[in-house]
Each structure stands twice: as C-alpha cells, then as structure tokens.
Amino acid sequence: MLAYARGLVYWHGRQRFCGLCGSRTEAGQGGHVRRCRNAACGTQHFPRTDPAVIVLIHDSSTRCVMGRQKLWPPGMDSTLAGFLEPGESLEEAVAREVEEEADLKVRDVAYCSSQPWPFPFSLMIGFRARADFGPLRVDPGEMESAAWFERQALRSAPEDKTLRLPRRDSIARQLIDG
C-alpha cells in the first residue's frame, strides 16, 4: 500500500503540466488520471510503470555474481539490474544488462518474481540465469565492481562494511536468499 501511495504522489508531482501542449493538468478519477486543462488539448495522462529486470547470475555450482555501485554504502553488493529498452523482451534485457555490467553471456533465463519499486515508477522483474564461471569485466560507467561470491560466504556474511547484502524486503535479497 505504501509503494502504491508513494508512486501516485510522486507521479502527481511530476505530471503537473501536459507533455503535449504544456498547459496545467488537474487530477481526476480519484487521482488515477490527470487531464490537460486546455480544452483544445484535453489529453488524459495516466501513471506509468517502467519495467526493470533484476537478475541473480549463477554458474550451476555454488557461485553467483553480484555487483556494486559507487553510491551504495561501503561493502554493499547486490544482484545486477537495469531498465528495458524499447522493443526489447525481458529475457533480452537480462542478457544485455549482464553483458553490459559484467561482460558475461547468460543462458537459461528464468522468471522468479516481481516487486513494485516506486522510486520513482518501476516494477522490478526478477530472474535467475546461468553463466559460465570466469573473469568479469566491469564497465565503470555501469558499476564500480562485480565479483563471483561463494554461497557459504553469503550465508555467513557479517552484514558490515566487509559484505553487506540488500535489505531483507527487497527482491534482490529474495533472489540471493533463494
């Protein structure tokens, strides 16, 4: 419920003007639509959701790949993720994002679950995928680092600046724990 409310409030704040003619908009239908006040335009605007994929890559053994962004707290690593591009399937987005962020080719991409992520308008669609164990090459424009992690190391993670996993209520953590 909080994610729903947060998403609508944020959307209303960002949709005060019509994207077609620039006139002010007003809320309608209990806040689920914004209408352009310009009678000549009258365009209706609806909340949008941007699909994003998030993936746990594993090597069919006891290892998985996680990456780190510069803005995260010290020691924080997580699964890889990114937004869909126009005309792209979910599976294609998984393969592209993993190749961009870690230079790995994935296979056996399988859907796991999803989670609304209203920061600002996202739906995180979770996957698992396989990749062959090998060196990772990180694009510094995408990630600060990426590495293979052993299952036992994750299970015994101290949850401090050495290794900090994503929040327990996140889809990233659900993928890792799974």
C-alpha atoms as a PDB file:
ATOM      1  CA  MET A   1       0.000   0.000   0.000  1.00  0.00           C
ATOM      2  CA  LEU A   2       2.865   2.384   0.800  1.00  0.00           C
ATOM      3  CA  ALA A   3       4.517   1.684  -2.552  1.00  0.00           C
ATOM      4  CA  TYR A   4       1.215   2.420  -4.292  1.00  0.00           C
ATOM      5  CA  ALA A   5       0.711   5.692  -2.420  1.00  0.00           C
ATOM      6  CA  ARG A   6       4.343   6.757  -2.928  1.00  0.00           C
ATOM      7  CA  GLY A   7       4.112   6.065  -6.652  1.00  0.00           C
ATOM      8  CA  LEU A   8       0.925   8.105  -7.115  1.00  0.00           C
ATOM      9  CA  VAL A   9       2.146  11.053  -5.036  1.00  0.00           C
ATOM     10  CA  TYR A  10       5.409  11.186  -6.964  1.00  0.00           C
ATOM     11  CA  TRP A  11       3.594  10.890 -10.300  1.00  0.00           C
ATOM     12  CA  HIS A  12       1.198  13.737  -9.451  1.00  0.00           C
ATOM     13  CA  GLY A  13       4.149  15.957  -8.546  1.00  0.00           C
ATOM     14  CA  ARG A  14       5.860  15.245 -11.871  1.00  0.00           C
ATOM     15  CA  GLN A  15       2.759  15.467 -14.093  1.00  0.00           C
ATOM     16  CA  ARG A  16       1.512  18.983 -13.270  1.00  0.00           C
ATOM     17  CA  PHE A  17       1.827  20.060 -16.907  1.00  0.00           C
ATOM     18  CA  CYS A  18       0.673  18.404 -20.123  1.00  0.00           C
ATOM     19  CA  GLY A  19       3.501  16.770 -22.036  1.00  0.00           C
ATOM     20  CA  LEU A  20       1.807  17.654 -25.361  1.00  0.00           C
ATOM     21  CA  CYS A  21       0.824  21.328 -25.043  1.00  0.00           C
ATOM     22  CA  GLY A  22       2.418  22.476 -21.757  1.00  0.00           C
ATOM     23  CA  SER A  23      -0.831  23.545 -20.084  1.00  0.00           C
ATOM     24  CA  ARG A  24      -1.594  22.755 -16.451  1.00  0.00           C
ATOM     25  CA  THR A  25      -3.235  19.413 -15.660  1.00  0.00           C
ATOM     26  CA  GLU A  26      -5.766  18.515 -12.985  1.00  0.00           C
ATOM     27  CA  ALA A  27      -6.407  15.274 -11.145  1.00  0.00           C
ATOM     28  CA  GLY A  28      -9.443  13.182 -11.973  1.00  0.00           C
ATOM     29  CA  GLN A  29     -10.926   9.746 -11.311  1.00  0.00           C
ATOM     30  CA  GLY A  30      -9.844   9.753  -7.677  1.00  0.00           C
ATOM     31  CA  GLY A  31      -6.268  10.661  -8.587  1.00  0.00           C
ATOM     32  CA  HIS A  32      -5.763   7.947 -11.208  1.00  0.00           C
ATOM     33  CA  VAL A  33      -5.666  10.304 -14.176  1.00  0.00           C
ATOM     34  CA  ARG A  34      -4.528  13.853 -14.884  1.00  0.00           C
ATOM     35  CA  ARG A  35      -6.338  15.816 -17.576  1.00  0.00           C
ATOM     36  CA  CYS A  36      -4.967  18.740 -19.525  1.00  0.00           C
ATOM     37  CA  ARG A  37      -6.922  21.899 -18.634  1.00  0.00           C
ATOM     38  CA  ASN A  38      -6.534  23.232 -22.171  1.00  0.00           C
ATOM     39  CA  ALA A  39      -9.918  22.485 -23.784  1.00  0.00           C
ATOM     40  CA  ALA A  40      -8.307  22.305 -27.227  1.00  0.00           C
ATOM     41  CA  CYS A  41      -5.983  19.557 -26.000  1.00  0.00           C
ATOM     42  CA  GLY A  42      -7.781  17.690 -23.188  1.00  0.00           C
ATOM     43  CA  THR A  43      -5.194  14.903 -23.155  1.00  0.00           C
ATOM     44  CA  GLN A  44      -5.506  12.376 -20.355  1.00  0.00           C
ATOM     45  CA  HIS A  45      -2.297  11.257 -18.652  1.00  0.00           C
ATOM     46  CA  PHE A  46      -2.084   8.026 -16.691  1.00  0.00           C
ATOM     47  CA  PRO A  47       0.537   6.811 -14.195  1.00  0.00           C
ATOM     48  CA  ARG A  48       3.262   4.863 -15.903  1.00  0.00           C
ATOM     49  CA  THR A  49       5.369   1.981 -14.744  1.00  0.00           C
ATOM     50  CA  ASP A  50       8.884   1.459 -16.073  1.00  0.00           C
ATOM     51  CA  PRO A  51       9.824  -2.229 -16.218  1.00  0.00           C
ATOM     52  CA  ALA A  52      13.272  -3.108 -14.912  1.00  0.00           C
ATOM     53  CA  VAL A  53      14.926  -6.510 -14.778  1.00  0.00           C
ATOM     54  CA  ILE A  54      16.955  -7.723 -11.832  1.00  0.00           C
ATOM     55  CA  VAL A  55      18.908 -10.963 -12.044  1.00  0.00           C
ATOM     56  CA  LEU A  56      20.906 -13.357  -9.924  1.00  0.00           C
ATOM     57  CA  ILE A  57      23.537 -14.963 -12.157  1.00  0.00           C
ATOM     58  CA  HIS A  58      24.936 -18.311 -11.029  1.00  0.00           C
ATOM     59  CA  ASP A  59      27.309 -20.857 -12.503  1.00  0.00           C
ATOM     60  CA  SER A  60      25.331 -24.039 -11.639  1.00  0.00           C
ATOM     61  CA  SER A  61      27.754 -24.538  -8.762  1.00  0.00           C
ATOM     62  CA  THR A  62      27.935 -22.592  -5.532  1.00  0.00           C
ATOM     63  CA  ARG A  63      28.840 -19.219  -7.017  1.00  0.00           C
ATOM     64  CA  CYS A  64      26.806 -16.184  -8.025  1.00  0.00           C
ATOM     65  CA  VAL A  65      27.643 -12.761  -9.394  1.00  0.00           C
ATOM     66  CA  MET A  66      26.938  -9.552  -7.555  1.00  0.00           C
ATOM     67  CA  GLY A  67      27.949  -6.012  -8.331  1.00  0.00           C
ATOM     68  CA  ARG A  68      28.466  -2.740  -6.571  1.00  0.00           C
ATOM     69  CA  GLN A  69      27.501   0.836  -7.430  1.00  0.00           C
ATOM     70  CA  LYS A  70      29.584   3.749  -6.164  1.00  0.00           C
ATOM     71  CA  LEU A  71      26.671   5.405  -4.358  1.00  0.00           C
ATOM     72  CA  TRP A  72      25.930   2.386  -2.152  1.00  0.00           C
ATOM     73  CA  PRO A  73      27.128   2.067   1.459  1.00  0.00           C
ATOM     74  CA  PRO A  74      30.583   0.507   1.973  1.00  0.00           C
ATOM     75  CA  GLY A  75      30.568  -3.265   1.446  1.00  0.00           C
ATOM     76  CA  MET A  76      27.131  -3.337  -0.210  1.00  0.00           C
ATOM     77  CA  ASP A  77      26.811  -5.677  -3.187  1.00  0.00           C
ATOM     78  CA  SER A  78      23.674  -6.783  -4.972  1.00  0.00           C
ATOM     79  CA  THR A  79      22.264  -8.530  -7.987  1.00  0.00           C
ATOM     80  CA  LEU A  80      22.559  -6.856 -11.388  1.00  0.00           C
ATOM     81  CA  ALA A  81      19.673  -4.812 -12.742  1.00  0.00           C
ATOM     82  CA  GLY A  82      18.597  -2.362 -15.411  1.00  0.00           C
ATOM     83  CA  PHE A  83      15.702  -0.927 -17.368  1.00  0.00           C
ATOM     84  CA  LEU A  84      14.171  -2.347 -20.523  1.00  0.00           C
ATOM     85  CA  GLU A  85      14.851  -0.571 -23.779  1.00  0.00           C
ATOM     86  CA  PRO A  86      12.117  -0.004 -26.389  1.00  0.00           C
ATOM     87  CA  GLY A  87      11.275  -3.136 -28.353  1.00  0.00           C
ATOM     88  CA  GLU A  88      13.201  -5.430 -26.008  1.00  0.00           C
ATOM     89  CA  SER A  89      11.869  -8.584 -24.340  1.00  0.00           C
ATOM     90  CA  LEU A  90      12.507  -9.215 -20.647  1.00  0.00           C
ATOM     91  CA  GLU A  91      14.948 -12.011 -21.484  1.00  0.00           C
ATOM     92  CA  GLU A  92      16.818  -9.788 -23.942  1.00  0.00           C
ATOM     93  CA  ALA A  93      17.069  -7.075 -21.275  1.00  0.00           C
ATOM     94  CA  VAL A  94      18.543  -9.577 -18.805  1.00  0.00           C
ATOM     95  CA  ALA A  95      21.156 -10.711 -21.328  1.00  0.00           C
ATOM     96  CA  ARG A  96      22.045  -7.149 -22.359  1.00  0.00           C
ATOM     97  CA  GLU A  97      22.306  -5.789 -18.820  1.00  0.00           C
ATOM     98  CA  VAL A  98      24.512  -8.679 -17.657  1.00  0.00           C
ATOM     99  CA  GLU A  99      26.753  -8.290 -20.681  1.00  0.00           C
ATOM    100  CA  GLU A 100      26.979  -4.501 -20.163  1.00  0.00           C
ATOM    101  CA  GLU A 101      27.653  -4.700 -16.436  1.00  0.00           C
ATOM    102  CA  ALA A 102      29.831  -7.824 -16.122  1.00  0.00           C
ATOM    103  CA  ASP A 103      30.704  -8.927 -19.678  1.00  0.00           C
ATOM    104  CA  LEU A 104      29.037 -12.321 -19.226  1.00  0.00           C
ATOM    105  CA  LYS A 105      26.850 -14.280 -21.617  1.00  0.00           C
ATOM    106  CA  VAL A 106      23.829 -15.779 -19.857  1.00  0.00           C
ATOM    107  CA  ARG A 107      21.556 -18.710 -20.651  1.00  0.00           C
ATOM    108  CA  ASP A 108      18.587 -20.441 -19.017  1.00  0.00           C
ATOM    109  CA  VAL A 109      16.980 -17.122 -18.061  1.00  0.00           C
ATOM    110  CA  ALA A 110      14.047 -17.938 -15.765  1.00  0.00           C
ATOM    111  CA  TYR A 111      11.448 -15.650 -14.205  1.00  0.00           C
ATOM    112  CA  CYS A 112      11.235 -15.768 -10.392  1.00  0.00           C
ATOM    113  CA  SER A 113       9.048 -12.943  -9.055  1.00  0.00           C
ATOM    114  CA  SER A 114       8.394  -9.217  -9.210  1.00  0.00           C
ATOM    115  CA  GLN A 115       8.246  -6.263  -6.850  1.00  0.00           C
ATOM    116  CA  PRO A 116       6.851  -2.756  -7.303  1.00  0.00           C
ATOM    117  CA  TRP A 117       9.589  -0.202  -6.799  1.00  0.00           C
ATOM    118  CA  PRO A 118       8.049   3.281  -6.783  1.00  0.00           C
ATOM    119  CA  PHE A 119      11.355   5.172  -6.801  1.00  0.00           C
ATOM    120  CA  PRO A 120      10.068   6.639  -8.971  1.00  0.00           C
ATOM    121  CA  PHE A 121       7.886   4.431 -11.245  1.00  0.00           C
ATOM    122  CA  SER A 122       9.423   0.993 -11.536  1.00  0.00           C
ATOM    123  CA  LEU A 123       8.398  -2.634 -11.498  1.00  0.00           C
ATOM    124  CA  MET A 124      11.363  -4.879 -10.724  1.00  0.00           C
ATOM    125  CA  ILE A 125      11.003  -8.201 -12.559  1.00  0.00           C
ATOM    126  CA  GLY A 126      13.279 -10.815 -11.009  1.00  0.00           C
ATOM    127  CA  PHE A 127      15.140 -13.572 -12.832  1.00  0.00           C
ATOM    128  CA  ARG A 128      17.794 -16.199 -12.334  1.00  0.00           C
ATOM    129  CA  ALA A 129      20.211 -17.013 -15.137  1.00  0.00           C
ATOM    130  CA  ARG A 130      23.264 -19.203 -15.670  1.00  0.00           C
ATOM    131  CA  ALA A 131      26.675 -18.131 -16.880  1.00  0.00           C
ATOM    132  CA  ASP A 132      29.998 -19.905 -17.113  1.00  0.00           C
ATOM    133  CA  PHE A 133      32.410 -19.114 -14.299  1.00  0.00           C
ATOM    134  CA  GLY A 134      35.143 -16.827 -15.500  1.00  0.00           C
ATOM    135  CA  PRO A 135      36.624 -13.369 -15.220  1.00  0.00           C
ATOM    136  CA  LEU A 136      34.280 -10.395 -15.041  1.00  0.00           C
ATOM    137  CA  ARG A 137      34.985  -7.174 -16.902  1.00  0.00           C
ATOM    138  CA  VAL A 138      33.094  -4.233 -15.466  1.00  0.00           C
ATOM    139  CA  ASP A 139      32.130  -1.126 -17.390  1.00  0.00           C
ATOM    140  CA  PRO A 140      32.966   1.704 -14.949  1.00  0.00           C
ATOM    141  CA  GLY A 141      30.055   3.694 -16.362  1.00  0.00           C
ATOM    142  CA  GLU A 142      27.716   0.922 -15.199  1.00  0.00           C
ATOM    143  CA  MET A 143      29.213  -0.473 -11.984  1.00  0.00           C
ATOM    144  CA  GLU A 144      32.060   0.150  -9.568  1.00  0.00           C
ATOM    145  CA  SER A 145      32.840  -3.558  -9.322  1.00  0.00           C
ATOM    146  CA  ALA A 146      31.428  -7.043  -9.776  1.00  0.00           C
ATOM    147  CA  ALA A 147      32.599 -10.373  -8.421  1.00  0.00           C
ATOM    148  CA  TRP A 148      31.728 -14.026  -8.013  1.00  0.00           C
ATOM    149  CA  PHE A 149      30.576 -14.832  -4.475  1.00  0.00           C
ATOM    150  CA  GLU A 150      30.533 -18.280  -2.875  1.00  0.00           C
ATOM    151  CA  ARG A 151      27.267 -19.437  -1.299  1.00  0.00           C
ATOM    152  CA  GLN A 152      28.909 -20.083   2.078  1.00  0.00           C
ATOM    153  CA  ALA A 153      30.424 -16.584   2.137  1.00  0.00           C
ATOM    154  CA  LEU A 154      26.967 -15.089   1.577  1.00  0.00           C
ATOM    155  CA  ARG A 155      25.389 -17.273   4.252  1.00  0.00           C
ATOM    156  CA  SER A 156      27.992 -16.172   6.789  1.00  0.00           C
ATOM    157  CA  ALA A 157      28.135 -12.536   5.646  1.00  0.00           C
ATOM    158  CA  PRO A 158      28.864 -10.293   8.626  1.00  0.00           C
ATOM    159  CA  GLU A 159      26.448  -7.636   7.305  1.00  0.00           C
ATOM    160  CA  ASP A 160      29.030  -4.926   7.919  1.00  0.00           C
ATOM    161  CA  LYS A 161      31.384  -2.858   5.760  1.00  0.00           C
ATOM    162  CA  THR A 162      33.077  -6.090   4.660  1.00  0.00           C
ATOM    163  CA  LEU A 163      29.982  -7.524   2.960  1.00  0.00           C
ATOM    164  CA  ARG A 164      26.521  -6.057   3.214  1.00  0.00           C
ATOM    165  CA  LEU A 165      23.611  -7.659   1.368  1.00  0.00           C
ATOM    166  CA  PRO A 166      20.483  -5.826   0.152  1.00  0.00           C
ATOM    167  CA  ARG A 167      17.590  -5.196   2.541  1.00  0.00           C
ATOM    168  CA  ARG A 168      15.595  -8.287   3.500  1.00  0.00           C
ATOM    169  CA  ASP A 169      12.379  -6.892   1.998  1.00  0.00           C
ATOM    170  CA  SER A 170      13.933  -6.334  -1.442  1.00  0.00           C
ATOM    171  CA  ILE A 171      13.594  -8.570  -4.468  1.00  0.00           C
ATOM    172  CA  ALA A 172      17.402  -8.561  -4.754  1.00  0.00           C
ATOM    173  CA  ARG A 173      17.646 -10.174  -1.316  1.00  0.00           C
ATOM    174  CA  GLN A 174      14.902 -12.659  -2.173  1.00  0.00           C
ATOM    175  CA  LEU A 175      16.858 -13.743  -5.247  1.00  0.00           C
ATOM    176  CA  ILE A 176      20.072 -14.082  -3.236  1.00  0.00           C
ATOM    177  CA  ASP A 177      18.411 -15.961  -0.366  1.00  0.00           C
ATOM    178  CA  GLY A 178      16.710 -18.292  -2.855  1.00  0.00           C
END
